[in-house]
N, C-alpha and C. Protein backbone atom coordinates (compact mmCIF):
# COMPACT_ATOMS: atom_id res chain seq x y z
N MET A 1 37.30 0.75 33.92
CA MET A 1 36.53 0.05 33.09
C MET A 1 35.20 0.70 32.92
N LYS A 2 34.66 1.41 34.00
CA LYS A 2 33.44 2.02 33.89
C LYS A 2 33.46 3.16 32.81
N PRO A 3 34.69 3.92 32.73
CA PRO A 3 34.75 4.89 31.84
C PRO A 3 34.76 4.53 30.36
N SER A 4 35.46 3.19 30.25
CA SER A 4 35.30 2.96 28.71
C SER A 4 34.10 2.40 28.19
N LYS A 5 33.21 1.77 29.14
CA LYS A 5 31.81 1.45 28.84
C LYS A 5 31.05 2.65 28.50
N THR A 6 31.02 3.60 29.19
CA THR A 6 30.49 4.89 29.09
C THR A 6 30.89 5.47 27.51
N ILE A 7 32.05 5.45 27.31
CA ILE A 7 32.58 5.94 26.10
C ILE A 7 31.90 5.20 24.80
N TYR A 8 32.08 3.69 24.86
CA TYR A 8 31.35 3.00 24.19
C TYR A 8 30.06 3.18 23.86
N THR A 9 29.15 3.37 25.04
CA THR A 9 27.84 3.64 24.89
C THR A 9 27.80 4.70 24.26
N LEU A 10 28.29 5.92 24.59
CA LEU A 10 28.10 7.29 24.15
C LEU A 10 28.30 7.25 22.45
N LEU A 11 29.45 6.66 22.18
CA LEU A 11 29.74 6.44 20.75
C LEU A 11 28.67 5.64 20.00
N LEU A 12 28.24 4.50 20.47
CA LEU A 12 27.00 3.64 19.83
C LEU A 12 25.73 4.87 19.46
N ILE A 13 25.45 5.35 20.61
CA ILE A 13 24.44 6.36 20.67
C ILE A 13 24.50 7.38 19.49
N GLY A 14 25.79 7.98 19.49
CA GLY A 14 26.16 9.01 18.46
C GLY A 14 26.04 8.68 16.98
N ILE A 15 26.60 7.16 16.89
CA ILE A 15 26.50 6.71 15.54
C ILE A 15 25.08 6.35 15.22
N SER A 16 24.05 5.96 16.25
CA SER A 16 22.75 5.83 15.81
C SER A 16 22.11 6.94 15.01
N PHE A 17 22.57 8.15 15.39
CA PHE A 17 22.05 9.56 15.01
C PHE A 17 22.46 9.76 13.58
N LEU A 18 23.69 9.05 13.02
CA LEU A 18 23.98 9.23 11.98
C LEU A 18 23.41 8.40 10.74
N ILE A 19 22.60 7.42 11.34
CA ILE A 19 21.95 6.68 10.14
C ILE A 19 20.80 7.74 9.60
N PRO A 20 20.72 7.72 8.22
CA PRO A 20 19.97 8.34 7.46
C PRO A 20 18.38 8.19 7.92
N ILE A 21 17.69 9.25 8.30
CA ILE A 21 16.09 8.94 8.51
C ILE A 21 15.54 8.55 7.17
N ALA A 22 15.92 8.54 5.97
CA ALA A 22 15.13 8.16 4.87
C ALA A 22 15.20 6.68 4.87
N SER A 23 15.95 5.97 5.41
CA SER A 23 15.75 4.54 5.58
C SER A 23 14.97 4.11 6.52
N PHE A 24 14.21 5.02 7.21
CA PHE A 24 13.18 4.59 8.11
C PHE A 24 11.73 5.18 7.32
N SER A 25 11.71 5.81 6.25
CA SER A 25 10.57 6.32 5.80
C SER A 25 9.66 5.08 5.39
N GLN A 26 8.21 5.49 5.33
CA GLN A 26 7.19 4.51 5.29
C GLN A 26 6.21 5.10 4.27
N ILE A 27 5.44 4.21 3.52
CA ILE A 27 4.43 4.74 2.54
C ILE A 27 3.31 5.35 3.52
N ILE A 28 2.79 6.55 3.18
CA ILE A 28 1.76 7.30 3.80
C ILE A 28 0.52 6.63 3.27
N SER A 29 -0.27 6.08 3.91
CA SER A 29 -1.52 5.26 3.67
C SER A 29 -2.65 6.15 3.91
N TYR A 30 -3.73 6.03 3.26
CA TYR A 30 -5.03 6.71 3.39
C TYR A 30 -6.05 5.71 3.26
N LYS A 31 -7.22 6.16 3.61
CA LYS A 31 -8.45 5.40 3.46
C LYS A 31 -9.34 5.77 2.43
N PHE A 32 -10.23 5.13 1.93
CA PHE A 32 -11.07 5.40 0.85
C PHE A 32 -11.93 6.64 1.18
N GLU A 33 -12.57 6.69 2.29
CA GLU A 33 -13.31 7.77 2.73
C GLU A 33 -12.55 9.13 2.75
N GLN A 34 -11.21 9.14 2.63
CA GLN A 34 -10.37 10.50 2.55
C GLN A 34 -10.25 11.08 1.17
N LEU A 35 -10.52 10.08 0.21
CA LEU A 35 -10.23 10.50 -1.26
C LEU A 35 -10.86 11.62 -1.69
N ASP A 36 -12.06 12.00 -1.53
CA ASP A 36 -12.90 12.86 -2.04
C ASP A 36 -12.11 14.26 -1.63
N SER A 37 -11.90 14.45 -0.40
CA SER A 37 -11.30 15.73 -0.06
C SER A 37 -9.91 15.80 -0.28
N LEU A 38 -9.23 14.68 -0.32
CA LEU A 38 -7.83 14.91 -0.98
C LEU A 38 -7.64 15.07 -2.63
N GLN A 39 -8.65 14.50 -3.23
CA GLN A 39 -8.77 14.81 -4.57
C GLN A 39 -9.05 16.42 -4.83
N LYS A 40 -9.64 16.93 -3.87
CA LYS A 40 -10.01 18.29 -4.09
C LYS A 40 -8.81 19.23 -3.81
N THR A 41 -8.08 18.70 -2.78
CA THR A 41 -6.97 19.69 -2.51
C THR A 41 -5.84 19.40 -3.50
N GLU A 42 -5.67 18.29 -3.97
CA GLU A 42 -4.57 17.84 -5.34
C GLU A 42 -4.91 16.65 -5.94
N LYS A 43 -5.08 16.90 -7.27
CA LYS A 43 -5.54 15.95 -8.02
C LYS A 43 -4.22 14.74 -8.15
N ARG A 44 -4.56 13.46 -7.61
CA ARG A 44 -3.62 12.39 -7.92
C ARG A 44 -4.17 11.20 -8.22
N ASN A 45 -3.31 10.12 -8.91
CA ASN A 45 -3.75 8.71 -9.08
C ASN A 45 -3.76 8.17 -7.87
N VAL A 46 -4.45 7.11 -7.77
CA VAL A 46 -4.79 6.31 -6.37
C VAL A 46 -4.16 4.96 -6.72
N ALA A 47 -3.13 4.55 -5.96
CA ALA A 47 -2.65 3.24 -5.75
C ALA A 47 -3.34 2.50 -4.63
N VAL A 48 -4.10 1.29 -5.16
CA VAL A 48 -4.60 0.40 -4.07
C VAL A 48 -3.96 -0.89 -3.99
N PHE A 49 -3.60 -1.38 -2.85
CA PHE A 49 -2.80 -2.64 -2.46
C PHE A 49 -3.77 -3.40 -1.90
N ILE A 50 -4.28 -4.53 -2.79
CA ILE A 50 -5.18 -5.42 -2.27
C ILE A 50 -4.70 -6.76 -1.70
N HIS A 51 -4.74 -7.17 -0.74
CA HIS A 51 -4.25 -8.30 0.14
C HIS A 51 -4.89 -9.09 0.90
N THR A 52 -4.35 -10.06 1.40
CA THR A 52 -4.99 -10.81 2.60
C THR A 52 -3.76 -11.13 3.64
N ASN A 53 -4.47 -11.29 4.78
CA ASN A 53 -3.27 -11.77 5.81
C ASN A 53 -2.73 -13.32 5.66
N TRP A 54 -3.40 -13.99 5.00
CA TRP A 54 -2.90 -15.35 4.66
C TRP A 54 -1.89 -15.59 3.50
N CYS A 55 -1.76 -14.65 2.49
CA CYS A 55 -0.94 -14.70 1.33
C CYS A 55 0.43 -14.37 1.56
N LYS A 56 1.14 -15.40 1.19
CA LYS A 56 2.47 -15.20 1.43
C LYS A 56 3.27 -14.14 0.36
N TYR A 57 2.62 -14.21 -0.77
CA TYR A 57 3.19 -13.32 -1.96
C TYR A 57 2.96 -11.99 -1.43
N CYS A 58 1.70 -11.72 -0.80
CA CYS A 58 1.29 -10.22 -0.46
C CYS A 58 2.18 -9.93 0.85
N GLN A 59 2.64 -10.72 1.71
CA GLN A 59 3.50 -10.42 2.89
C GLN A 59 4.83 -10.11 2.32
N THR A 60 5.19 -10.79 1.27
CA THR A 60 6.72 -10.65 0.85
C THR A 60 6.67 -9.32 -0.09
N MET A 61 5.55 -8.84 -0.70
CA MET A 61 5.47 -7.74 -1.12
C MET A 61 5.55 -6.51 -0.37
N GLN A 62 4.84 -6.80 0.71
CA GLN A 62 4.72 -5.75 1.80
C GLN A 62 6.01 -5.45 2.22
N ASN A 63 6.83 -6.51 2.52
CA ASN A 63 8.24 -6.48 3.03
C ASN A 63 9.40 -6.14 2.05
N THR A 64 9.14 -6.21 0.89
CA THR A 64 10.15 -5.94 0.02
C THR A 64 9.93 -4.77 -0.73
N THR A 65 9.04 -5.02 -1.87
CA THR A 65 8.48 -4.09 -2.72
C THR A 65 8.26 -2.74 -2.12
N LEU A 66 7.32 -2.68 -1.30
CA LEU A 66 6.50 -1.54 -0.58
C LEU A 66 7.51 -0.93 0.50
N LYS A 67 8.70 -1.65 0.80
CA LYS A 67 9.75 -1.04 1.70
C LYS A 67 10.89 -0.48 1.06
N ASN A 68 10.50 -0.31 -0.39
CA ASN A 68 11.94 0.05 -1.24
C ASN A 68 11.96 1.64 -1.19
N ASP A 69 12.96 2.30 -1.03
CA ASP A 69 12.98 3.72 -0.69
C ASP A 69 12.26 4.61 -2.03
N SER A 70 12.79 4.05 -3.24
CA SER A 70 12.37 4.79 -4.44
C SER A 70 10.79 4.54 -4.82
N ILE A 71 10.33 3.21 -4.29
CA ILE A 71 8.98 3.11 -4.44
C ILE A 71 8.07 3.92 -3.39
N ILE A 72 8.72 4.03 -2.11
CA ILE A 72 7.96 4.78 -1.09
C ILE A 72 7.87 6.15 -1.54
N GLU A 73 9.04 6.84 -2.12
CA GLU A 73 9.14 8.31 -2.36
C GLU A 73 8.03 8.50 -3.58
N GLN A 74 7.97 7.70 -4.56
CA GLN A 74 6.99 7.84 -5.79
C GLN A 74 5.45 7.98 -5.17
N LEU A 75 5.37 6.86 -4.30
CA LEU A 75 3.88 6.45 -3.79
C LEU A 75 3.42 7.83 -2.99
N ASN A 76 4.49 8.26 -2.12
CA ASN A 76 4.21 9.63 -1.34
C ASN A 76 3.97 10.63 -1.97
N LYS A 77 4.70 10.93 -3.02
CA LYS A 77 4.76 12.20 -3.71
C LYS A 77 3.58 12.37 -4.92
N LYS A 78 3.36 11.37 -5.46
CA LYS A 78 2.69 11.26 -6.81
C LYS A 78 1.56 10.64 -6.52
N PHE A 79 0.95 9.74 -5.63
CA PHE A 79 -0.14 8.82 -5.57
C PHE A 79 -0.57 9.03 -4.15
N TYR A 80 -2.21 8.78 -4.28
CA TYR A 80 -2.66 8.35 -2.92
C TYR A 80 -2.64 6.99 -2.74
N PHE A 81 -1.97 6.45 -1.68
CA PHE A 81 -1.77 5.05 -1.43
C PHE A 81 -2.88 4.45 -0.39
N ILE A 82 -3.65 3.24 -0.76
CA ILE A 82 -4.47 2.72 0.04
C ILE A 82 -4.22 1.22 0.26
N ASN A 83 -4.04 0.84 1.44
CA ASN A 83 -3.85 -0.62 1.79
C ASN A 83 -5.15 -1.30 2.06
N LEU A 84 -5.68 -2.14 1.10
CA LEU A 84 -6.80 -2.89 1.35
C LEU A 84 -6.89 -4.22 1.65
N ASN A 85 -7.09 -4.63 2.93
CA ASN A 85 -7.14 -6.04 3.18
C ASN A 85 -8.77 -6.47 2.51
N ALA A 86 -8.53 -7.63 1.64
CA ALA A 86 -9.64 -8.01 0.91
C ALA A 86 -10.74 -8.69 2.01
N GLU A 87 -10.23 -9.00 3.17
CA GLU A 87 -11.15 -9.62 3.85
C GLU A 87 -11.56 -8.95 5.22
N GLN A 88 -11.45 -7.71 4.87
CA GLN A 88 -11.79 -6.81 6.20
C GLN A 88 -13.30 -6.86 6.23
N LYS A 89 -13.78 -6.63 7.37
CA LYS A 89 -15.37 -6.75 7.62
C LYS A 89 -16.11 -5.51 7.83
N LYS A 90 -15.18 -4.41 7.72
CA LYS A 90 -15.72 -3.06 7.98
C LYS A 90 -16.41 -2.60 6.56
N ASP A 91 -17.40 -1.89 6.72
CA ASP A 91 -17.96 -1.32 5.38
C ASP A 91 -17.28 -0.21 5.11
N ILE A 92 -17.02 0.01 3.86
CA ILE A 92 -16.38 1.17 3.19
C ILE A 92 -17.21 1.84 2.35
N VAL A 93 -17.39 3.28 2.50
CA VAL A 93 -17.84 4.11 1.69
C VAL A 93 -17.12 4.72 0.39
N PHE A 94 -17.21 4.55 -0.51
CA PHE A 94 -16.29 4.94 -1.63
C PHE A 94 -17.26 5.37 -2.87
N ASN A 95 -16.66 6.48 -3.32
CA ASN A 95 -17.65 6.96 -4.82
C ASN A 95 -19.05 6.98 -4.50
N GLY A 96 -19.53 7.26 -3.63
CA GLY A 96 -21.20 7.35 -3.22
C GLY A 96 -21.70 5.93 -3.10
N ARG A 97 -21.12 4.99 -2.96
CA ARG A 97 -21.57 3.87 -2.62
C ARG A 97 -20.99 2.96 -1.25
N ASN A 98 -21.97 2.18 -0.67
CA ASN A 98 -21.45 1.46 0.76
C ASN A 98 -21.02 0.02 0.23
N PHE A 99 -19.67 -0.30 0.36
CA PHE A 99 -19.14 -1.54 0.03
C PHE A 99 -19.08 -2.45 1.23
N LYS A 100 -19.70 -3.65 1.24
CA LYS A 100 -19.82 -4.50 2.23
C LYS A 100 -18.94 -5.90 2.14
N TYR A 101 -18.56 -6.42 3.13
CA TYR A 101 -17.94 -7.78 3.37
C TYR A 101 -18.72 -8.58 2.72
N LYS A 102 -18.60 -9.69 2.02
CA LYS A 102 -19.71 -10.87 1.72
C LYS A 102 -18.99 -12.09 2.07
N PRO A 103 -19.60 -12.81 3.06
CA PRO A 103 -19.29 -14.11 3.49
C PRO A 103 -19.40 -15.07 2.16
N THR A 104 -18.44 -15.86 2.01
CA THR A 104 -18.38 -17.02 0.98
C THR A 104 -18.35 -18.39 1.51
N GLY A 105 -18.34 -18.53 3.08
CA GLY A 105 -18.36 -19.90 3.53
C GLY A 105 -18.07 -19.51 4.90
N ILE A 106 -17.80 -20.64 5.68
CA ILE A 106 -17.43 -20.42 7.02
C ILE A 106 -16.12 -19.83 7.24
N ASN A 107 -16.09 -18.82 7.79
CA ASN A 107 -14.88 -17.86 8.32
C ASN A 107 -14.11 -17.54 7.13
N THR A 108 -14.73 -17.50 5.83
CA THR A 108 -14.35 -16.92 4.46
C THR A 108 -15.18 -15.93 3.90
N GLY A 109 -14.58 -15.00 3.15
CA GLY A 109 -15.34 -14.10 2.38
C GLY A 109 -14.46 -13.02 1.75
N ILE A 110 -14.97 -12.05 0.96
CA ILE A 110 -14.22 -10.95 0.53
C ILE A 110 -15.16 -9.59 0.51
N HIS A 111 -14.35 -8.78 0.59
CA HIS A 111 -15.02 -7.32 0.68
C HIS A 111 -15.34 -6.94 -0.76
N GLU A 112 -16.62 -6.49 -1.03
CA GLU A 112 -17.22 -5.95 -2.34
C GLU A 112 -16.32 -5.20 -2.92
N LEU A 113 -15.39 -4.12 -2.28
CA LEU A 113 -14.67 -3.11 -2.93
C LEU A 113 -13.40 -3.72 -3.48
N ALA A 114 -12.93 -4.85 -2.58
CA ALA A 114 -11.81 -5.51 -3.09
C ALA A 114 -12.04 -6.32 -4.25
N GLU A 115 -13.21 -6.92 -4.24
CA GLU A 115 -13.61 -7.76 -5.40
C GLU A 115 -13.55 -6.89 -6.72
N GLN A 116 -14.34 -5.62 -6.38
CA GLN A 116 -14.38 -4.82 -7.65
C GLN A 116 -13.25 -4.31 -8.16
N LEU A 117 -12.13 -4.04 -7.33
CA LEU A 117 -10.85 -3.59 -7.65
C LEU A 117 -9.88 -4.62 -8.26
N ALA A 118 -10.00 -5.85 -7.80
CA ALA A 118 -8.97 -6.81 -7.88
C ALA A 118 -9.63 -7.82 -8.99
N SER A 119 -10.70 -7.80 -9.50
CA SER A 119 -11.11 -8.51 -10.50
C SER A 119 -10.50 -8.29 -11.87
N ILE A 120 -9.89 -9.34 -12.45
CA ILE A 120 -9.34 -9.29 -13.81
C ILE A 120 -9.77 -10.45 -14.31
N ASP A 121 -10.63 -10.39 -15.60
CA ASP A 121 -11.22 -11.48 -16.12
C ASP A 121 -12.15 -12.44 -15.10
N ASN A 122 -12.95 -11.65 -14.35
CA ASN A 122 -13.55 -12.27 -13.46
C ASN A 122 -13.12 -13.12 -12.52
N LYS A 123 -11.94 -12.93 -12.16
CA LYS A 123 -11.11 -13.68 -11.11
C LYS A 123 -10.37 -12.63 -10.35
N VAL A 124 -10.34 -12.98 -8.96
CA VAL A 124 -9.67 -12.26 -8.07
C VAL A 124 -8.24 -13.18 -7.65
N ALA A 125 -7.31 -12.43 -7.71
CA ALA A 125 -5.80 -13.06 -7.28
C ALA A 125 -5.10 -11.93 -6.03
N TYR A 126 -4.28 -12.52 -5.47
CA TYR A 126 -3.63 -11.64 -4.41
C TYR A 126 -2.15 -11.97 -4.57
N PRO A 127 -1.36 -10.85 -4.53
CA PRO A 127 -1.72 -9.56 -4.18
C PRO A 127 -2.16 -9.01 -5.61
N THR A 128 -3.00 -7.91 -5.61
CA THR A 128 -3.38 -7.26 -6.71
C THR A 128 -3.03 -5.61 -6.25
N ILE A 129 -2.40 -5.05 -7.33
CA ILE A 129 -2.28 -3.53 -7.17
C ILE A 129 -3.07 -2.93 -8.28
N CYS A 130 -4.01 -1.98 -7.76
CA CYS A 130 -4.92 -1.40 -8.64
C CYS A 130 -4.72 0.17 -8.76
N PHE A 131 -4.51 0.74 -9.72
CA PHE A 131 -4.58 2.08 -10.01
C PHE A 131 -5.86 2.93 -10.51
N LEU A 132 -6.09 3.83 -9.95
CA LEU A 132 -7.33 4.58 -10.27
C LEU A 132 -7.04 6.08 -10.64
N ASN A 133 -7.57 6.62 -11.56
CA ASN A 133 -7.42 8.19 -11.88
C ASN A 133 -8.17 8.76 -11.00
N ALA A 134 -7.76 10.31 -11.10
CA ALA A 134 -8.53 11.29 -10.10
C ALA A 134 -9.97 11.13 -9.99
N ASN A 135 -10.75 10.34 -11.09
CA ASN A 135 -11.98 10.24 -11.31
C ASN A 135 -12.55 8.95 -10.74
N ASN A 136 -11.54 8.19 -10.04
CA ASN A 136 -11.89 6.85 -9.40
C ASN A 136 -12.26 5.72 -10.41
N GLU A 137 -11.55 5.89 -11.71
CA GLU A 137 -11.60 5.11 -12.72
C GLU A 137 -10.58 4.08 -12.83
N ILE A 138 -10.65 3.06 -12.93
CA ILE A 138 -9.48 1.92 -12.80
C ILE A 138 -8.78 2.39 -14.27
N ILE A 139 -7.35 2.57 -14.08
CA ILE A 139 -6.59 2.82 -15.16
C ILE A 139 -5.41 1.69 -15.50
N PHE A 140 -5.31 0.80 -14.24
CA PHE A 140 -4.45 -0.35 -14.51
C PHE A 140 -4.44 -1.21 -13.25
N GLN A 141 -4.32 -2.37 -13.68
CA GLN A 141 -4.41 -3.43 -12.41
C GLN A 141 -3.34 -4.64 -12.91
N TYR A 142 -2.66 -5.06 -11.69
CA TYR A 142 -1.48 -6.01 -11.81
C TYR A 142 -1.86 -6.95 -10.72
N ASP A 143 -2.16 -8.52 -11.01
CA ASP A 143 -2.68 -9.42 -9.99
C ASP A 143 -1.54 -10.39 -9.65
N GLN A 144 -0.19 -9.95 -9.51
CA GLN A 144 0.72 -10.84 -9.06
C GLN A 144 1.82 -10.18 -8.11
N PHE A 145 2.56 -11.08 -7.43
CA PHE A 145 3.61 -10.28 -6.94
C PHE A 145 4.41 -9.46 -7.93
N ILE A 146 4.90 -8.22 -7.48
CA ILE A 146 5.55 -7.26 -8.35
C ILE A 146 6.86 -6.88 -7.53
N ASN A 147 8.04 -7.06 -8.28
CA ASN A 147 9.18 -6.49 -7.41
C ASN A 147 9.31 -5.06 -7.62
N SER A 148 10.20 -4.46 -6.95
CA SER A 148 10.38 -3.08 -6.93
C SER A 148 11.07 -2.42 -8.27
N THR A 149 11.65 -3.18 -9.09
CA THR A 149 12.24 -2.65 -10.31
C THR A 149 10.86 -2.38 -11.04
N ASP A 150 10.20 -3.51 -11.15
CA ASP A 150 8.97 -3.48 -12.19
C ASP A 150 8.10 -2.52 -11.86
N LEU A 151 7.67 -2.48 -10.54
CA LEU A 151 6.86 -1.41 -9.96
C LEU A 151 7.20 0.01 -10.18
N ASP A 152 8.55 0.12 -10.12
CA ASP A 152 9.25 1.60 -10.35
C ASP A 152 8.76 1.96 -11.88
N ILE A 153 8.90 0.99 -12.73
CA ILE A 153 8.66 1.42 -14.07
C ILE A 153 6.98 1.73 -14.22
N ILE A 154 6.35 0.91 -13.69
CA ILE A 154 4.76 1.31 -13.82
C ILE A 154 4.57 2.59 -13.19
N LEU A 155 4.99 2.94 -11.97
CA LEU A 155 4.91 4.18 -11.25
C LEU A 155 5.33 5.35 -12.36
N LYS A 156 6.54 5.36 -12.69
CA LYS A 156 6.95 6.18 -13.57
C LYS A 156 6.04 6.70 -14.93
N ARG A 157 5.46 5.52 -15.31
CA ARG A 157 4.65 5.50 -16.56
C ARG A 157 3.33 6.22 -16.12
N LEU A 158 2.69 6.02 -14.81
CA LEU A 158 1.52 6.49 -14.48
C LEU A 158 1.52 7.70 -13.82
N LYS A 159 2.69 8.35 -13.61
CA LYS A 159 2.59 9.54 -12.98
C LYS A 159 2.02 10.55 -14.21
């Protein structure tokens, strides 16, 4: 009995190595503070995913759309991707300005940078994906859940 268990174990280990590495790929995420030096190396548009921890649509988008292999490949090759929690309390220096967290009540608030990038018609909704050009100017915003098929179309147009 022991030899057959060993054979099965070795077989399972061998099969696990055959699983393509691409299925484990992830989006490379940067910080706003890195953008200046990144843009000097290679000019790219920037994709900013603005979300909160409590937003179920944000979580769904993170677990579906942003895990799609085609989306990951495009974001990694043609964009600088930034994951921005709209309620983070850490200051962010971006584009020569210091952005801070603004409390709006007891245990609630919004980061100034998230507010700037996610505001459409003076309203903020989550999730929002905001695209900046290499000069840090907003070129496109979308303030709802977006599936991988629709985001794929947008990414191809923005390249």
